[in-house]
């Protein structure tokens, strides 16, 4: 759940702004800086990929991690995920989330 994900991210030390929809994400204050977007690939009214495209226009340095209950290969075949995109297959645990967030942000490089 969204609440579970934002709680997990806070547990591992991230400051989180959680929204319930793509529309809410697009309505965020564009003067505020964001480093990482974690989004479902499949959402009502928009795709995670389209949301990421629009948000990276506002924040060019925004890193993106997609998630889905479907396997990565299936998402690539459906055209929702590009090869090389960061992807978390649901369900995932705290350790996997922490590793993926650090990798997306380039921590340790």
PDB file of N, CA and C in Angstrom:
ATOM      1  N   UNK A   1       0.832  -1.190   0.000  1.00  0.00           N
ATOM      2  CA  UNK A   1       0.000   0.000   0.000  1.00  0.00           C
ATOM      3  C   UNK A   1       0.870   1.245   0.000  1.00  0.00           C
ATOM      4  N   UNK A   2       0.295   2.348  -0.413  1.00  0.00           N
ATOM      5  CA  UNK A   2       1.041   3.599  -0.430  1.00  0.00           C
ATOM      6  C   UNK A   2       1.518   3.940   0.968  1.00  0.00           C
ATOM      7  N   UNK A   3       0.648   3.781   1.966  1.00  0.00           N
ATOM      8  CA  UNK A   3       1.030   4.083   3.342  1.00  0.00           C
ATOM      9  C   UNK A   3       2.166   3.194   3.793  1.00  0.00           C
ATOM     10  N   UNK A   4       2.121   1.918   3.437  1.00  0.00           N
ATOM     11  CA  UNK A   4       3.192   1.004   3.801  1.00  0.00           C
ATOM     12  C   UNK A   4       4.501   1.397   3.164  1.00  0.00           C
ATOM     13  N   UNK A   5       4.473   1.793   1.907  1.00  0.00           N
ATOM     14  CA  UNK A   5       5.691   2.176   1.200  1.00  0.00           C
ATOM     15  C   UNK A   5       6.298   3.435   1.804  1.00  0.00           C
ATOM     16  N   UNK A   6       5.484   4.437   2.055  1.00  0.00           N
ATOM     17  CA  UNK A   6       6.077   5.658   2.622  1.00  0.00           C
ATOM     18  C   UNK A   6       6.597   5.401   4.028  1.00  0.00           C
ATOM     19  N   UNK A   7       5.958   4.532   4.786  1.00  0.00           N
ATOM     20  CA  UNK A   7       6.488   4.177   6.116  1.00  0.00           C
ATOM     21  C   UNK A   7       7.825   3.457   5.996  1.00  0.00           C
ATOM     22  N   UNK A   8       7.948   2.528   5.040  1.00  0.00           N
ATOM     23  CA  UNK A   8       9.218   1.826   4.831  1.00  0.00           C
ATOM     24  C   UNK A   8      10.330   2.808   4.460  1.00  0.00           C
ATOM     25  N   UNK A   9      10.034   3.745   3.566  1.00  0.00           N
ATOM     26  CA  UNK A   9      11.036   4.726   3.152  1.00  0.00           C
ATOM     27  C   UNK A   9      11.467   5.616   4.330  1.00  0.00           C
ATOM     28  N   UNK A  10      10.519   5.994   5.155  1.00  0.00           N
ATOM     29  CA  UNK A  10      10.867   6.796   6.341  1.00  0.00           C
ATOM     30  C   UNK A  10      11.727   5.985   7.309  1.00  0.00           C
ATOM     31  N   UNK A  11      11.405   4.691   7.446  1.00  0.00           N
ATOM     32  CA  UNK A  11      12.180   3.812   8.327  1.00  0.00           C
ATOM     33  C   UNK A  11      13.647   3.759   7.934  1.00  0.00           C
ATOM     34  N   UNK A  12      13.923   3.844   6.637  1.00  0.00           N
ATOM     35  CA  UNK A  12      15.314   3.763   6.178  1.00  0.00           C
ATOM     36  C   UNK A  12      15.932   5.146   5.979  1.00  0.00           C
ATOM     37  N   UNK A  13      15.235   6.179   6.470  1.00  0.00           N
ATOM     38  CA  UNK A  13      15.842   7.491   6.552  1.00  0.00           C
ATOM     39  C   UNK A  13      15.508   8.493   5.467  1.00  0.00           C
ATOM     40  N   UNK A  14      14.535   8.206   4.635  1.00  0.00           N
ATOM     41  CA  UNK A  14      14.193   9.148   3.568  1.00  0.00           C
ATOM     42  C   UNK A  14      13.069  10.081   3.995  1.00  0.00           C
ATOM     43  N   UNK A  15      13.136  11.311   3.512  1.00  0.00           N
ATOM     44  CA  UNK A  15      12.032  12.253   3.667  1.00  0.00           C
ATOM     45  C   UNK A  15      11.066  11.954   2.533  1.00  0.00           C
ATOM     46  N   UNK A  16       9.786  11.801   2.838  1.00  0.00           N
ATOM     47  CA  UNK A  16       8.817  11.304   1.868  1.00  0.00           C
ATOM     48  C   UNK A  16       7.661  12.277   1.697  1.00  0.00           C
ATOM     49  N   UNK A  17       7.265  12.481   0.443  1.00  0.00           N
ATOM     50  CA  UNK A  17       6.019  13.150   0.108  1.00  0.00           C
ATOM     51  C   UNK A  17       5.203  12.104  -0.636  1.00  0.00           C
ATOM     52  N   UNK A  18       4.142  11.622  -0.019  1.00  0.00           N
ATOM     53  CA  UNK A  18       3.318  10.568  -0.612  1.00  0.00           C
ATOM     54  C   UNK A  18       2.063  11.184  -1.215  1.00  0.00           C
ATOM     55  N   UNK A  19       1.720  10.725  -2.395  1.00  0.00           N
ATOM     56  CA  UNK A  19       0.488  11.159  -3.057  1.00  0.00           C
ATOM     57  C   UNK A  19      -0.288   9.923  -3.493  1.00  0.00           C
ATOM     58  N   UNK A  20      -1.573  10.108  -3.711  1.00  0.00           N
ATOM     59  CA  UNK A  20      -2.452   8.979  -4.004  1.00  0.00           C
ATOM     60  C   UNK A  20      -2.700   8.763  -5.492  1.00  0.00           C
ATOM     61  N   UNK A  21      -2.254   9.693  -6.338  1.00  0.00           N
ATOM     62  CA  UNK A  21      -2.552   9.560  -7.762  1.00  0.00           C
ATOM     63  C   UNK A  21      -1.532  10.331  -8.600  1.00  0.00           C
ATOM     64  N   UNK A  22      -1.541  10.038  -9.885  1.00  0.00           N
ATOM     65  CA  UNK A  22      -0.702  10.781 -10.805  1.00  0.00           C
ATOM     66  C   UNK A  22      -1.065  12.257 -10.827  1.00  0.00           C
ATOM     67  N   UNK A  23      -2.350  12.534 -10.738  1.00  0.00           N
ATOM     68  CA  UNK A  23      -2.805  13.922 -10.739  1.00  0.00           C
ATOM     69  C   UNK A  23      -2.239  14.680  -9.541  1.00  0.00           C
ATOM     70  N   UNK A  24      -2.240  14.037  -8.364  1.00  0.00           N
ATOM     71  CA  UNK A  24      -1.671  14.686  -7.184  1.00  0.00           C
ATOM     72  C   UNK A  24      -0.175  14.911  -7.353  1.00  0.00           C
ATOM     73  N   UNK A  25       0.507  13.972  -7.957  1.00  0.00           N
ATOM     74  CA  UNK A  25       1.947  14.125  -8.188  1.00  0.00           C
ATOM     75  C   UNK A  25       2.220  15.298  -9.122  1.00  0.00           C
ATOM     76  N   UNK A  26       1.423  15.429 -10.160  1.00  0.00           N
ATOM     77  CA  UNK A  26       1.619  16.512 -11.118  1.00  0.00           C
ATOM     78  C   UNK A  26       1.273  17.878 -10.516  1.00  0.00           C
ATOM     79  N   UNK A  27       0.483  17.883  -9.456  1.00  0.00           N
ATOM     80  CA  UNK A  27       0.089  19.136  -8.811  1.00  0.00           C
ATOM     81  C   UNK A  27       1.076  19.568  -7.724  1.00  0.00           C
ATOM     82  N   UNK A  28       2.138  18.808  -7.491  1.00  0.00           N
ATOM     83  CA  UNK A  28       3.118  19.174  -6.471  1.00  0.00           C
ATOM     84  C   UNK A  28       3.796  20.497  -6.824  1.00  0.00           C
ATOM     85  N   UNK A  29       4.206  21.207  -5.814  1.00  0.00           N
ATOM     86  CA  UNK A  29       4.902  22.483  -5.971  1.00  0.00           C
ATOM     87  C   UNK A  29       6.205  22.258  -6.738  1.00  0.00           C
ATOM     88  N   UNK A  30       6.298  22.815  -7.928  1.00  0.00           N
ATOM     89  CA  UNK A  30       7.475  22.585  -8.763  1.00  0.00           C
ATOM     90  C   UNK A  30       8.701  23.360  -8.298  1.00  0.00           C
ATOM     91  N   UNK A  31       8.535  24.225  -7.311  1.00  0.00           N
ATOM     92  CA  UNK A  31       9.709  24.904  -6.763  1.00  0.00           C
ATOM     93  C   UNK A  31      10.398  24.047  -5.706  1.00  0.00           C
ATOM     94  N   UNK A  32       9.712  23.025  -5.233  1.00  0.00           N
ATOM     95  CA  UNK A  32      10.303  22.089  -4.265  1.00  0.00           C
ATOM     96  C   UNK A  32      11.115  21.054  -5.041  1.00  0.00           C
ATOM     97  N   UNK A  33      12.288  20.730  -4.542  1.00  0.00           N
ATOM     98  CA  UNK A  33      13.144  19.758  -5.227  1.00  0.00           C
ATOM     99  C   UNK A  33      12.817  18.338  -4.773  1.00  0.00           C
ATOM    100  N   UNK A  34      12.751  17.425  -5.727  1.00  0.00           N
ATOM    101  CA  UNK A  34      12.561  16.010  -5.444  1.00  0.00           C
ATOM    102  C   UNK A  34      13.698  15.244  -6.098  1.00  0.00           C
ATOM    103  N   UNK A  35      14.147  14.188  -5.416  1.00  0.00           N
ATOM    104  CA  UNK A  35      15.263  13.388  -5.917  1.00  0.00           C
ATOM    105  C   UNK A  35      14.832  12.072  -6.534  1.00  0.00           C
ATOM    106  N   UNK A  36      13.740  11.487  -6.031  1.00  0.00           N
ATOM    107  CA  UNK A  36      13.364  10.133  -6.431  1.00  0.00           C
ATOM    108  C   UNK A  36      11.860  10.000  -6.527  1.00  0.00           C
ATOM    109  N   UNK A  37      11.402   9.402  -7.609  1.00  0.00           N
ATOM    110  CA  UNK A  37      10.001   9.036  -7.795  1.00  0.00           C
ATOM    111  C   UNK A  37       9.923   7.519  -7.762  1.00  0.00           C
ATOM    112  N   UNK A  38       9.082   6.982  -6.899  1.00  0.00           N
ATOM    113  CA  UNK A  38       8.775   5.551  -6.912  1.00  0.00           C
ATOM    114  C   UNK A  38       7.305   5.459  -7.268  1.00  0.00           C
ATOM    115  N   UNK A  39       7.013   4.833  -8.419  1.00  0.00           N
ATOM    116  CA  UNK A  39       5.650   4.837  -8.939  1.00  0.00           C
ATOM    117  C   UNK A  39       5.249   3.480  -9.466  1.00  0.00           C
ATOM    118  N   UNK A  40       3.983   3.151  -9.271  1.00  0.00           N
ATOM    119  CA  UNK A  40       3.426   1.994  -9.957  1.00  0.00           C
ATOM    120  C   UNK A  40       3.481   2.265 -11.449  1.00  0.00           C
ATOM    121  N   UNK A  41       3.701   1.215 -12.215  1.00  0.00           N
ATOM    122  CA  UNK A  41       3.658   1.357 -13.670  1.00  0.00           C
ATOM    123  C   UNK A  41       2.231   1.505 -14.167  1.00  0.00           C
ATOM    124  N   UNK A  42       1.316   0.747 -13.582  1.00  0.00           N
ATOM    125  CA  UNK A  42      -0.078   0.755 -14.015  1.00  0.00           C
ATOM    126  C   UNK A  42      -0.901   1.494 -12.973  1.00  0.00           C
ATOM    127  N   UNK A  43      -1.529   2.593 -13.430  1.00  0.00           N
ATOM    128  CA  UNK A  43      -2.360   3.408 -12.546  1.00  0.00           C
ATOM    129  C   UNK A  43      -3.589   3.855 -13.317  1.00  0.00           C
ATOM    130  N   UNK A  44      -4.636   4.245 -12.611  1.00  0.00           N
ATOM    131  CA  UNK A  44      -5.799   4.798 -13.306  1.00  0.00           C
ATOM    132  C   UNK A  44      -5.443   6.111 -14.008  1.00  0.00           C
ATOM    133  N   UNK A  45      -5.951   6.327 -15.167  1.00  0.00           N
ATOM    134  CA  UNK A  45      -5.850   7.576 -15.934  1.00  0.00           C
ATOM    135  C   UNK A  45      -4.477   7.931 -16.474  1.00  0.00           C
ATOM    136  N   UNK A  46      -3.420   7.288 -16.041  1.00  0.00           N
ATOM    137  CA  UNK A  46      -2.092   7.531 -16.599  1.00  0.00           C
ATOM    138  C   UNK A  46      -1.207   6.330 -16.288  1.00  0.00           C
ATOM    139  N   UNK A  47      -0.089   6.246 -16.959  1.00  0.00           N
ATOM    140  CA  UNK A  47       0.875   5.186 -16.630  1.00  0.00           C
ATOM    141  C   UNK A  47       1.995   5.796 -15.803  1.00  0.00           C
ATOM    142  N   UNK A  48       2.686   4.961 -15.077  1.00  0.00           N
ATOM    143  CA  UNK A  48       3.836   5.438 -14.322  1.00  0.00           C
ATOM    144  C   UNK A  48       4.889   6.037 -15.241  1.00  0.00           C
ATOM    145  N   UNK A  49       5.036   5.445 -16.430  1.00  0.00           N
ATOM    146  CA  UNK A  49       6.020   5.953 -17.392  1.00  0.00           C
ATOM    147  C   UNK A  49       5.656   7.360 -17.860  1.00  0.00           C
ATOM    148  N   UNK A  50       4.376   7.603 -18.122  1.00  0.00           N
ATOM    149  CA  UNK A  50       3.935   8.936 -18.551  1.00  0.00           C
ATOM    150  C   UNK A  50       4.098   9.934 -17.402  1.00  0.00           C
ATOM    151  N   UNK A  51       3.765   9.518 -16.202  1.00  0.00           N
ATOM    152  CA  UNK A  51       3.947  10.375 -15.040  1.00  0.00           C
ATOM    153  C   UNK A  51       5.417  10.743 -14.885  1.00  0.00           C
ATOM    154  N   UNK A  52       6.295   9.757 -14.990  1.00  0.00           N
ATOM    155  CA  UNK A  52       7.736  10.002 -14.860  1.00  0.00           C
ATOM    156  C   UNK A  52       8.217  10.963 -15.942  1.00  0.00           C
ATOM    157  N   UNK A  53       7.729  10.797 -17.165  1.00  0.00           N
ATOM    158  CA  UNK A  53       8.128  11.688 -18.256  1.00  0.00           C
ATOM    159  C   UNK A  53       7.746  13.130 -17.936  1.00  0.00           C
ATOM    160  N   UNK A  54       6.530  13.327 -17.449  1.00  0.00           N
ATOM    161  CA  UNK A  54       6.071  14.682 -17.132  1.00  0.00           C
ATOM    162  C   UNK A  54       6.832  15.272 -15.939  1.00  0.00           C
ATOM    163  N   UNK A  55       7.077  14.459 -14.937  1.00  0.00           N
ATOM    164  CA  UNK A  55       7.773  14.973 -13.754  1.00  0.00           C
ATOM    165  C   UNK A  55       9.250  15.257 -14.024  1.00  0.00           C
ATOM    166  N   UNK A  56       9.873  14.480 -14.891  1.00  0.00           N
ATOM    167  CA  UNK A  56      11.280  14.761 -15.199  1.00  0.00           C
ATOM    168  C   UNK A  56      11.424  16.011 -16.062  1.00  0.00           C
ATOM    169  N   UNK A  57      10.346  16.466 -16.661  1.00  0.00           N
ATOM    170  CA  UNK A  57      10.390  17.772 -17.325  1.00  0.00           C
ATOM    171  C   UNK A  57      10.524  18.872 -16.274  1.00  0.00           C
ATOM    172  N   UNK A  58       9.820  18.713 -15.148  1.00  0.00           N
ATOM    173  CA  UNK A  58       9.897  19.707 -14.066  1.00  0.00           C
ATOM    174  C   UNK A  58      11.195  19.564 -13.276  1.00  0.00           C
ATOM    175  N   UNK A  59      11.622  18.322 -13.050  1.00  0.00           N
ATOM    176  CA  UNK A  59      12.824  18.033 -12.273  1.00  0.00           C
ATOM    177  C   UNK A  59      13.739  17.134 -13.101  1.00  0.00           C
ATOM    178  N   UNK A  60      14.587  17.695 -13.945  1.00  0.00           N
ATOM    179  CA  UNK A  60      15.423  16.893 -14.860  1.00  0.00           C
ATOM    180  C   UNK A  60      16.335  15.884 -14.172  1.00  0.00           C
ATOM    181  N   UNK A  61      16.717  16.122 -12.923  1.00  0.00           N
ATOM    182  CA  UNK A  61      17.600  15.195 -12.208  1.00  0.00           C
ATOM    183  C   UNK A  61      16.835  14.132 -11.428  1.00  0.00           C
ATOM    184  N   UNK A  62      15.511  14.125 -11.553  1.00  0.00           N
ATOM    185  CA  UNK A  62      14.684  13.167 -10.823  1.00  0.00           C
ATOM    186  C   UNK A  62      15.013  11.741 -11.248  1.00  0.00           C
ATOM    187  N   UNK A  63      15.296  10.894 -10.270  1.00  0.00           N
ATOM    188  CA  UNK A  63      15.523   9.472 -10.518  1.00  0.00           C
ATOM    189  C   UNK A  63      14.190   8.757 -10.378  1.00  0.00           C
ATOM    190  N   UNK A  64      14.021   7.653 -11.104  1.00  0.00           N
ATOM    191  CA  UNK A  64      12.732   6.971 -11.147  1.00  0.00           C
ATOM    192  C   UNK A  64      12.910   5.478 -10.906  1.00  0.00           C
ATOM    193  N   UNK A  65      12.046   4.935 -10.054  1.00  0.00           N
ATOM    194  CA  UNK A  65      11.941   3.495  -9.854  1.00  0.00           C
ATOM    195  C   UNK A  65      10.477   3.132 -10.053  1.00  0.00           C
ATOM    196  N   UNK A  66      10.223   2.210 -10.958  1.00  0.00           N
ATOM    197  CA  UNK A  66       8.866   1.728 -11.187  1.00  0.00           C
ATOM    198  C   UNK A  66       8.639   0.465 -10.380  1.00  0.00           C
ATOM    199  N   UNK A  67       7.382   0.203 -10.057  1.00  0.00           N
ATOM    200  CA  UNK A  67       7.039  -1.038  -9.377  1.00  0.00           C
ATOM    201  C   UNK A  67       5.747  -1.588  -9.964  1.00  0.00           C
ATOM    202  N   UNK A  68       5.606  -2.911  -9.850  1.00  0.00           N
ATOM    203  CA  UNK A  68       4.397  -3.563 -10.350  1.00  0.00           C
ATOM    204  C   UNK A  68       4.301  -4.948  -9.749  1.00  0.00           C
ATOM    205  N   UNK A  69       3.102  -5.467  -9.713  1.00  0.00           N
ATOM    206  CA  UNK A  69       2.880  -6.842  -9.298  1.00  0.00           C
ATOM    207  C   UNK A  69       3.119  -7.816 -10.427  1.00  0.00           C
ATOM    208  N   UNK A  70       3.411  -7.305 -11.605  1.00  0.00           N
ATOM    209  CA  UNK A  70       3.704  -8.134 -12.777  1.00  0.00           C
ATOM    210  C   UNK A  70       5.216  -8.193 -12.966  1.00  0.00           C
ATOM    211  N   UNK A  71       5.700  -9.230 -13.606  1.00  0.00           N
ATOM    212  CA  UNK A  71       7.144  -9.374 -13.777  1.00  0.00           C
ATOM    213  C   UNK A  71       7.684  -8.346 -14.772  1.00  0.00           C
ATOM    214  N   UNK A  72       8.960  -8.066 -14.633  1.00  0.00           N
ATOM    215  CA  UNK A  72       9.630  -7.059 -15.464  1.00  0.00           C
ATOM    216  C   UNK A  72       9.524  -7.390 -16.945  1.00  0.00           C
ATOM    217  N   UNK A  73       9.733  -8.667 -17.319  1.00  0.00           N
ATOM    218  CA  UNK A  73       9.652  -9.061 -18.727  1.00  0.00           C
ATOM    219  C   UNK A  73       8.283  -8.759 -19.316  1.00  0.00           C
ATOM    220  N   UNK A  74       7.243  -9.018 -18.539  1.00  0.00           N
ATOM    221  CA  UNK A  74       5.881  -8.751 -19.006  1.00  0.00           C
ATOM    222  C   UNK A  74       5.673  -7.257 -19.226  1.00  0.00           C
ATOM    223  N   UNK A  75       6.209  -6.437 -18.341  1.00  0.00           N
ATOM    224  CA  UNK A  75       6.055  -4.988 -18.469  1.00  0.00           C
ATOM    225  C   UNK A  75       6.805  -4.461 -19.696  1.00  0.00           C
ATOM    226  N   UNK A  76       7.978  -5.038 -19.991  1.00  0.00           N
ATOM    227  CA  UNK A  76       8.727  -4.638 -21.183  1.00  0.00           C
ATOM    228  C   UNK A  76       7.941  -5.030 -22.429  1.00  0.00           C
ATOM    229  N   UNK A  77       7.415  -6.242 -22.448  1.00  0.00           N
ATOM    230  CA  UNK A  77       6.639  -6.711 -23.603  1.00  0.00           C
ATOM    231  C   UNK A  77       5.408  -5.853 -23.840  1.00  0.00           C
ATOM    232  N   UNK A  78       4.787  -5.367 -22.778  1.00  0.00           N
ATOM    233  CA  UNK A  78       3.600  -4.524 -22.910  1.00  0.00           C
ATOM    234  C   UNK A  78       3.964  -3.087 -23.261  1.00  0.00           C
ATOM    235  N   UNK A  79       5.242  -2.779 -23.306  1.00  0.00           N
ATOM    236  CA  UNK A  79       5.685  -1.437 -23.668  1.00  0.00           C
ATOM    237  C   UNK A  79       5.584  -0.432 -22.543  1.00  0.00           C
ATOM    238  N   UNK A  80       5.378  -0.907 -21.318  1.00  0.00           N
ATOM    239  CA  UNK A  80       5.259   0.002 -20.190  1.00  0.00           C
ATOM    240  C   UNK A  80       6.597   0.300 -19.542  1.00  0.00           C
ATOM    241  N   UNK A  81       7.580  -0.539 -19.826  1.00  0.00           N
ATOM    242  CA  UNK A  81       8.887  -0.417 -19.200  1.00  0.00           C
ATOM    243  C   UNK A  81       9.944  -0.513 -20.282  1.00  0.00           C
ATOM    244  N   UNK A  82      10.896   0.382 -20.247  1.00  0.00           N
ATOM    245  CA  UNK A  82      11.998   0.353 -21.202  1.00  0.00           C
ATOM    246  C   UNK A  82      13.137  -0.476 -20.622  1.00  0.00           C
ATOM    247  N   UNK A  83      13.869  -1.193 -21.458  1.00  0.00           N
ATOM    248  CA  UNK A  83      15.035  -1.904 -20.939  1.00  0.00           C
ATOM    249  C   UNK A  83      15.964  -0.907 -20.231  1.00  0.00           C
ATOM    250  N   UNK A  84      16.420  -1.265 -19.059  1.00  0.00           N
ATOM    251  CA  UNK A  84      17.287  -0.380 -18.282  1.00  0.00           C
ATOM    252  C   UNK A  84      16.561   0.434 -17.236  1.00  0.00           C
ATOM    253  N   UNK A  85      15.219   0.529 -17.321  1.00  0.00           N
ATOM    254  CA  UNK A  85      14.470   1.230 -16.274  1.00  0.00           C
ATOM    255  C   UNK A  85      14.602   0.470 -14.960  1.00  0.00           C
ATOM    256  N   UNK A  86      14.636   1.189 -13.868  1.00  0.00           N
ATOM    257  CA  UNK A  86      14.679   0.551 -12.540  1.00  0.00           C
ATOM    258  C   UNK A  86      13.294   0.013 -12.220  1.00  0.00           C
ATOM    259  N   UNK A  87      13.254  -1.202 -11.638  1.00  0.00           N
ATOM    260  CA  UNK A  87      11.982  -1.889 -11.450  1.00  0.00           C
ATOM    261  C   UNK A  87      12.002  -2.719 -10.175  1.00  0.00           C
ATOM    262  N   UNK A  88      10.942  -2.600  -9.399  1.00  0.00           N
ATOM    263  CA  UNK A  88      10.723  -3.426  -8.212  1.00  0.00           C
ATOM    264  C   UNK A  88       9.487  -4.279  -8.452  1.00  0.00           C
ATOM    265  N   UNK A  89       9.648  -5.584  -8.348  1.00  0.00           N
ATOM    266  CA  UNK A  89       8.497  -6.470  -8.492  1.00  0.00           C
ATOM    267  C   UNK A  89       7.856  -6.670  -7.126  1.00  0.00           C
ATOM    268  N   UNK A  90       6.557  -6.378  -7.034  1.00  0.00           N
ATOM    269  CA  UNK A  90       5.814  -6.559  -5.793  1.00  0.00           C
ATOM    270  C   UNK A  90       5.528  -8.039  -5.586  1.00  0.00           C
ATOM    271  N   UNK A  91       5.491  -8.506  -4.374  1.00  0.00           N
ATOM    272  CA  UNK A  91       5.841  -7.781  -3.156  1.00  0.00           C
ATOM    273  C   UNK A  91       7.351  -7.725  -2.970  1.00  0.00           C
ATOM    274  N   UNK A  92       7.815  -6.705  -2.297  1.00  0.00           N
ATOM    275  CA  UNK A  92       9.237  -6.582  -1.980  1.00  0.00           C
ATOM    276  C   UNK A  92       9.358  -6.149  -0.529  1.00  0.00           C
ATOM    277  N   UNK A  93      10.502  -6.408   0.041  1.00  0.00           N
ATOM    278  CA  UNK A  93      10.733  -6.091   1.445  1.00  0.00           C
ATOM    279  C   UNK A  93      11.595  -4.863   1.624  1.00  0.00           C
ATOM    280  N   UNK A  94      11.848  -4.558   2.862  1.00  0.00           N
ATOM    281  CA  UNK A  94      12.618  -3.374   3.238  1.00  0.00           C
ATOM    282  C   UNK A  94      14.022  -3.383   2.648  1.00  0.00           C
ATOM    283  N   UNK A  95      14.703  -4.520   2.708  1.00  0.00           N
ATOM    284  CA  UNK A  95      16.078  -4.591   2.210  1.00  0.00           C
ATOM    285  C   UNK A  95      16.140  -4.321   0.712  1.00  0.00           C
ATOM    286  N   UNK A  96      15.226  -4.908  -0.051  1.00  0.00           N
ATOM    287  CA  UNK A  96      15.195  -4.701  -1.505  1.00  0.00           C
ATOM    288  C   UNK A  96      14.877  -3.240  -1.820  1.00  0.00           C
ATOM    289  N   UNK A  97      13.912  -2.669  -1.111  1.00  0.00           N
ATOM    290  CA  UNK A  97      13.558  -1.264  -1.316  1.00  0.00           C
ATOM    291  C   UNK A  97      14.746  -0.358  -1.008  1.00  0.00           C
ATOM    292  N   UNK A  98      15.413  -0.607   0.095  1.00  0.00           N
ATOM    293  CA  UNK A  98      16.567   0.216   0.486  1.00  0.00           C
ATOM    294  C   UNK A  98      17.667   0.130  -0.564  1.00  0.00           C
ATOM    295  N   UNK A  99      17.965  -1.069  -1.035  1.00  0.00           N
ATOM    296  CA  UNK A  99      19.011  -1.244  -2.061  1.00  0.00           C
ATOM    297  C   UNK A  99      18.644  -0.529  -3.356  1.00  0.00           C
ATOM    298  N   UNK A 100      17.393  -0.655  -3.776  1.00  0.00           N
ATOM    299  CA  UNK A 100      16.970  -0.036  -5.037  1.00  0.00           C
ATOM    300  C   UNK A 100      16.960   1.483  -4.929  1.00  0.00           C
ATOM    301  N   UNK A 101      16.503   2.024  -3.808  1.00  0.00           N
ATOM    302  CA  UNK A 101      16.495   3.474  -3.626  1.00  0.00           C
ATOM    303  C   UNK A 101      17.913   4.025  -3.632  1.00  0.00           C
ATOM    304  N   UNK A 102      18.817   3.344  -2.903  1.00  0.00           N
ATOM    305  CA  UNK A 102      20.231   3.788  -2.879  1.00  0.00           C
ATOM    306  C   UNK A 102      20.840   3.709  -4.280  1.00  0.00           C
ATOM    307  N   UNK A 103      20.583   2.629  -4.984  1.00  0.00           N
ATOM    308  CA  UNK A 103      21.139   2.472  -6.340  1.00  0.00           C
ATOM    309  C   UNK A 103      20.600   3.551  -7.284  1.00  0.00           C
ATOM    310  N   UNK A 104      19.305   3.815  -7.202  1.00  0.00           N
ATOM    311  CA  UNK A 104      18.699   4.826  -8.084  1.00  0.00           C
ATOM    312  C   UNK A 104      19.287   6.202  -7.821  1.00  0.00           C
ATOM    313  N   UNK A 105      19.541   6.499  -6.559  1.00  0.00           N
ATOM    314  CA  UNK A 105      20.087   7.805  -6.195  1.00  0.00           C
ATOM    315  C   UNK A 105      21.597   7.885  -6.378  1.00  0.00           C
ATOM    316  N   UNK A 106      22.212   6.760  -6.728  1.00  0.00           N
ATOM    317  CA  UNK A 106      23.650   6.756  -6.958  1.00  0.00           C
ATOM    318  C   UNK A 106      24.449   6.764  -5.692  1.00  0.00           C
ATOM    319  N   UNK A 107      23.847   6.346  -4.578  1.00  0.00           N
ATOM    320  CA  UNK A 107      24.571   6.312  -3.305  1.00  0.00           C
ATOM    321  C   UNK A 107      25.723   5.313  -3.378  1.00  0.00           C
ATOM    322  N   UNK A 108      26.838   5.701  -2.863  1.00  0.00           N
ATOM    323  CA  UNK A 108      27.992   4.815  -2.845  1.00  0.00           C
ATOM    324  C   UNK A 108      28.841   4.866  -4.101  1.00  0.00           C
ATOM    325  N   UNK A 109      28.472   5.721  -5.053  1.00  0.00           N
ATOM    326  CA  UNK A 109      29.265   5.826  -6.293  1.00  0.00           C
ATOM    327  C   UNK A 109      30.438   6.752  -6.073  1.00  0.00           C
TER     328      UNK A 109
END
